Amino acid sequence: MIPGGGQPNMQQLLQQAQKMQQDLAAAQQELADTDVEGSAGGGLVKATVSGSGELKGLVIDPKAVDPEDTETLADLVLAAVRDANAAAQELQQQKLGPLAQGLGGMPGLPF
């Protein structure tokens, strides 16, 4: 046995894990409170999502509305929402990536 150690201090590990968990929860709340926007058709359709990916708003320019061609409008809406979700995922990586990597090194945690 090695005097004084060899084993990590469990109290210290628990405190580290708790701090990381608090940091992760704060980052997740910040994401939920942050809006990002995506657009399609040169800005004819704009979608706003939260950083966590919840659709918050959709703006459709009247020029995008053609009663004879609703398929194009639907495609523009989908493209705008996908663009906004891609921006939300990028924001998630920026905010949560470093925290998840830090948690990944701790035994017993599912990262």
C-alpha atoms as a PDB file:
ATOM      1  CA  MET A   1       0.000   0.000   0.000  1.00  0.00           C
ATOM      2  CA  ILE A   2       1.194   3.477  -0.781  1.00  0.00           C
ATOM      3  CA  PRO A   3       1.156   5.715   2.298  1.00  0.00           C
ATOM      4  CA  GLY A   4      -1.128   8.693   1.974  1.00  0.00           C
ATOM      5  CA  GLY A   5      -2.690   7.765  -1.240  1.00  0.00           C
ATOM      6  CA  GLY A   6      -2.669   6.243  -4.559  1.00  0.00           C
ATOM      7  CA  GLN A   7      -6.464   6.488  -4.262  1.00  0.00           C
ATOM      8  CA  PRO A   8      -8.216   9.683  -5.335  1.00  0.00           C
ATOM      9  CA  ASN A   9      -9.864  11.675  -2.593  1.00  0.00           C
ATOM     10  CA  MET A  10     -13.534  10.647  -2.903  1.00  0.00           C
ATOM     11  CA  GLN A  11     -14.815  13.843  -1.308  1.00  0.00           C
ATOM     12  CA  GLN A  12     -12.833  15.891  -3.810  1.00  0.00           C
ATOM     13  CA  LEU A  13     -14.134  13.782  -6.716  1.00  0.00           C
ATOM     14  CA  LEU A  14     -17.714  14.208  -5.516  1.00  0.00           C
ATOM     15  CA  GLN A  15     -17.254  17.968  -5.224  1.00  0.00           C
ATOM     16  CA  GLN A  16     -15.816  18.094  -8.755  1.00  0.00           C
ATOM     17  CA  ALA A  17     -18.707  16.053 -10.112  1.00  0.00           C
ATOM     18  CA  GLN A  18     -21.238  18.254  -8.351  1.00  0.00           C
ATOM     19  CA  LYS A  19     -19.615  21.430  -9.719  1.00  0.00           C
ATOM     20  CA  MET A  20     -19.579  19.988 -13.244  1.00  0.00           C
ATOM     21  CA  GLN A  21     -23.229  19.025 -12.883  1.00  0.00           C
ATOM     22  CA  GLN A  22     -24.095  22.562 -11.756  1.00  0.00           C
ATOM     23  CA  ASP A  23     -22.090  24.047 -14.650  1.00  0.00           C
ATOM     24  CA  LEU A  24     -23.877  21.722 -17.077  1.00  0.00           C
ATOM     25  CA  ALA A  25     -27.305  22.690 -15.712  1.00  0.00           C
ATOM     26  CA  ALA A  26     -26.407  26.396 -15.977  1.00  0.00           C
ATOM     27  CA  ALA A  27     -25.228  25.934 -19.577  1.00  0.00           C
ATOM     28  CA  GLN A  28     -28.436  24.054 -20.457  1.00  0.00           C
ATOM     29  CA  GLN A  29     -30.536  26.867 -18.978  1.00  0.00           C
ATOM     30  CA  GLU A  30     -28.508  29.429 -20.900  1.00  0.00           C
ATOM     31  CA  LEU A  31     -29.196  27.458 -24.100  1.00  0.00           C
ATOM     32  CA  ALA A  32     -32.933  27.371 -23.378  1.00  0.00           C
ATOM     33  CA  ASP A  33     -32.875  31.154 -22.886  1.00  0.00           C
ATOM     34  CA  THR A  34     -30.874  31.914 -26.058  1.00  0.00           C
ATOM     35  CA  ASP A  35     -32.624  32.266 -29.406  1.00  0.00           C
ATOM     36  CA  VAL A  36     -30.981  31.598 -32.771  1.00  0.00           C
ATOM     37  CA  GLU A  37     -32.371  32.225 -36.230  1.00  0.00           C
ATOM     38  CA  GLY A  38     -32.305  30.376 -39.508  1.00  0.00           C
ATOM     39  CA  SER A  39     -33.583  31.464 -42.872  1.00  0.00           C
ATOM     40  CA  ALA A  40     -34.341  30.219 -46.372  1.00  0.00           C
ATOM     41  CA  GLY A  41     -35.231  31.690 -49.733  1.00  0.00           C
ATOM     42  CA  GLY A  42     -32.956  34.662 -49.275  1.00  0.00           C
ATOM     43  CA  GLY A  43     -34.708  35.602 -46.044  1.00  0.00           C
ATOM     44  CA  LEU A  44     -38.274  35.067 -47.275  1.00  0.00           C
ATOM     45  CA  VAL A  45     -38.801  32.576 -44.441  1.00  0.00           C
ATOM     46  CA  LYS A  46     -37.159  32.966 -41.037  1.00  0.00           C
ATOM     47  CA  ALA A  47     -37.355  30.523 -38.151  1.00  0.00           C
ATOM     48  CA  THR A  48     -36.342  31.236 -34.573  1.00  0.00           C
ATOM     49  CA  VAL A  49     -35.450  28.389 -32.213  1.00  0.00           C
ATOM     50  CA  SER A  50     -34.115  28.297 -28.696  1.00  0.00           C
ATOM     51  CA  GLY A  51     -30.565  27.102 -28.198  1.00  0.00           C
ATOM     52  CA  SER A  52     -32.071  23.825 -27.041  1.00  0.00           C
ATOM     53  CA  GLY A  53     -33.926  23.424 -30.355  1.00  0.00           C
ATOM     54  CA  GLU A  54     -37.495  24.481 -29.494  1.00  0.00           C
ATOM     55  CA  LEU A  55     -39.233  26.309 -32.356  1.00  0.00           C
ATOM     56  CA  LYS A  56     -40.142  29.753 -31.013  1.00  0.00           C
ATOM     57  CA  GLY A  57     -41.201  31.725 -34.068  1.00  0.00           C
ATOM     58  CA  LEU A  58     -41.713  31.647 -37.800  1.00  0.00           C
ATOM     59  CA  VAL A  59     -41.869  34.686 -40.100  1.00  0.00           C
ATOM     60  CA  ILE A  60     -43.031  34.307 -43.694  1.00  0.00           C
ATOM     61  CA  ASP A  61     -42.641  37.206 -46.095  1.00  0.00           C
ATOM     62  CA  PRO A  62     -45.878  37.674 -48.106  1.00  0.00           C
ATOM     63  CA  LYS A  63     -43.790  37.387 -51.301  1.00  0.00           C
ATOM     64  CA  ALA A  64     -43.170  33.729 -50.389  1.00  0.00           C
ATOM     65  CA  VAL A  65     -46.893  32.941 -50.380  1.00  0.00           C
ATOM     66  CA  ASP A  66     -48.232  31.640 -53.689  1.00  0.00           C
ATOM     67  CA  PRO A  67     -51.567  29.836 -53.351  1.00  0.00           C
ATOM     68  CA  GLU A  68     -50.718  27.893 -56.506  1.00  0.00           C
ATOM     69  CA  ASP A  69     -47.398  26.645 -55.090  1.00  0.00           C
ATOM     70  CA  THR A  70     -47.705  25.713 -51.432  1.00  0.00           C
ATOM     71  CA  GLU A  71     -45.034  23.021 -51.828  1.00  0.00           C
ATOM     72  CA  THR A  72     -42.310  25.617 -52.317  1.00  0.00           C
ATOM     73  CA  LEU A  73     -43.474  27.476 -49.224  1.00  0.00           C
ATOM     74  CA  ALA A  74     -43.437  24.243 -47.220  1.00  0.00           C
ATOM     75  CA  ASP A  75     -39.904  23.526 -48.478  1.00  0.00           C
ATOM     76  CA  LEU A  76     -38.784  27.027 -47.461  1.00  0.00           C
ATOM     77  CA  VAL A  77     -40.286  26.580 -43.987  1.00  0.00           C
ATOM     78  CA  LEU A  78     -38.519  23.240 -43.549  1.00  0.00           C
ATOM     79  CA  ALA A  79     -35.234  24.685 -44.770  1.00  0.00           C
ATOM     80  CA  ALA A  80     -35.476  27.664 -42.403  1.00  0.00           C
ATOM     81  CA  VAL A  81     -36.262  25.440 -39.415  1.00  0.00           C
ATOM     82  CA  ARG A  82     -33.387  23.099 -40.302  1.00  0.00           C
ATOM     83  CA  ASP A  83     -31.049  26.082 -40.645  1.00  0.00           C
ATOM     84  CA  ALA A  84     -32.110  27.386 -37.236  1.00  0.00           C
ATOM     85  CA  ASN A  85     -31.714  23.931 -35.665  1.00  0.00           C
ATOM     86  CA  ALA A  86     -28.218  23.637 -37.149  1.00  0.00           C
ATOM     87  CA  ALA A  87     -27.356  26.961 -35.493  1.00  0.00           C
ATOM     88  CA  ALA A  88     -28.824  25.670 -32.205  1.00  0.00           C
ATOM     89  CA  GLN A  89     -26.733  22.494 -32.418  1.00  0.00           C
ATOM     90  CA  GLU A  90     -23.603  24.536 -33.032  1.00  0.00           C
ATOM     91  CA  LEU A  91     -24.434  26.660 -29.997  1.00  0.00           C
ATOM     92  CA  GLN A  92     -24.985  23.481 -27.952  1.00  0.00           C
ATOM     93  CA  GLN A  93     -21.550  22.193 -28.964  1.00  0.00           C
ATOM     94  CA  GLN A  94     -19.966  25.483 -27.928  1.00  0.00           C
ATOM     95  CA  LYS A  95     -21.715  25.557 -24.555  1.00  0.00           C
ATOM     96  CA  LEU A  96     -21.937  21.877 -23.628  1.00  0.00           C
ATOM     97  CA  GLY A  97     -19.023  20.295 -25.495  1.00  0.00           C
ATOM     98  CA  PRO A  98     -16.295  21.276 -23.015  1.00  0.00           C
ATOM     99  CA  LEU A  99     -18.496  20.326 -20.050  1.00  0.00           C
ATOM    100  CA  ALA A 100     -19.378  16.913 -21.497  1.00  0.00           C
ATOM    101  CA  GLN A 101     -15.712  16.220 -22.216  1.00  0.00           C
ATOM    102  CA  GLY A 102     -14.854  17.073 -18.616  1.00  0.00           C
ATOM    103  CA  LEU A 103     -17.515  14.712 -17.331  1.00  0.00           C
ATOM    104  CA  GLY A 104     -16.395  11.977 -19.711  1.00  0.00           C
ATOM    105  CA  GLY A 105     -13.231  11.420 -17.737  1.00  0.00           C
ATOM    106  CA  MET A 106     -15.077  10.574 -14.554  1.00  0.00           C
ATOM    107  CA  PRO A 107     -15.821   6.897 -13.882  1.00  0.00           C
ATOM    108  CA  GLY A 108     -19.458   5.904 -13.616  1.00  0.00           C
ATOM    109  CA  LEU A 109     -20.824   8.784 -15.671  1.00  0.00           C
ATOM    110  CA  PRO A 110     -22.546   8.013 -18.981  1.00  0.00           C
ATOM    111  CA  PHE A 111     -20.550  10.289 -21.301  1.00  0.00           C
END
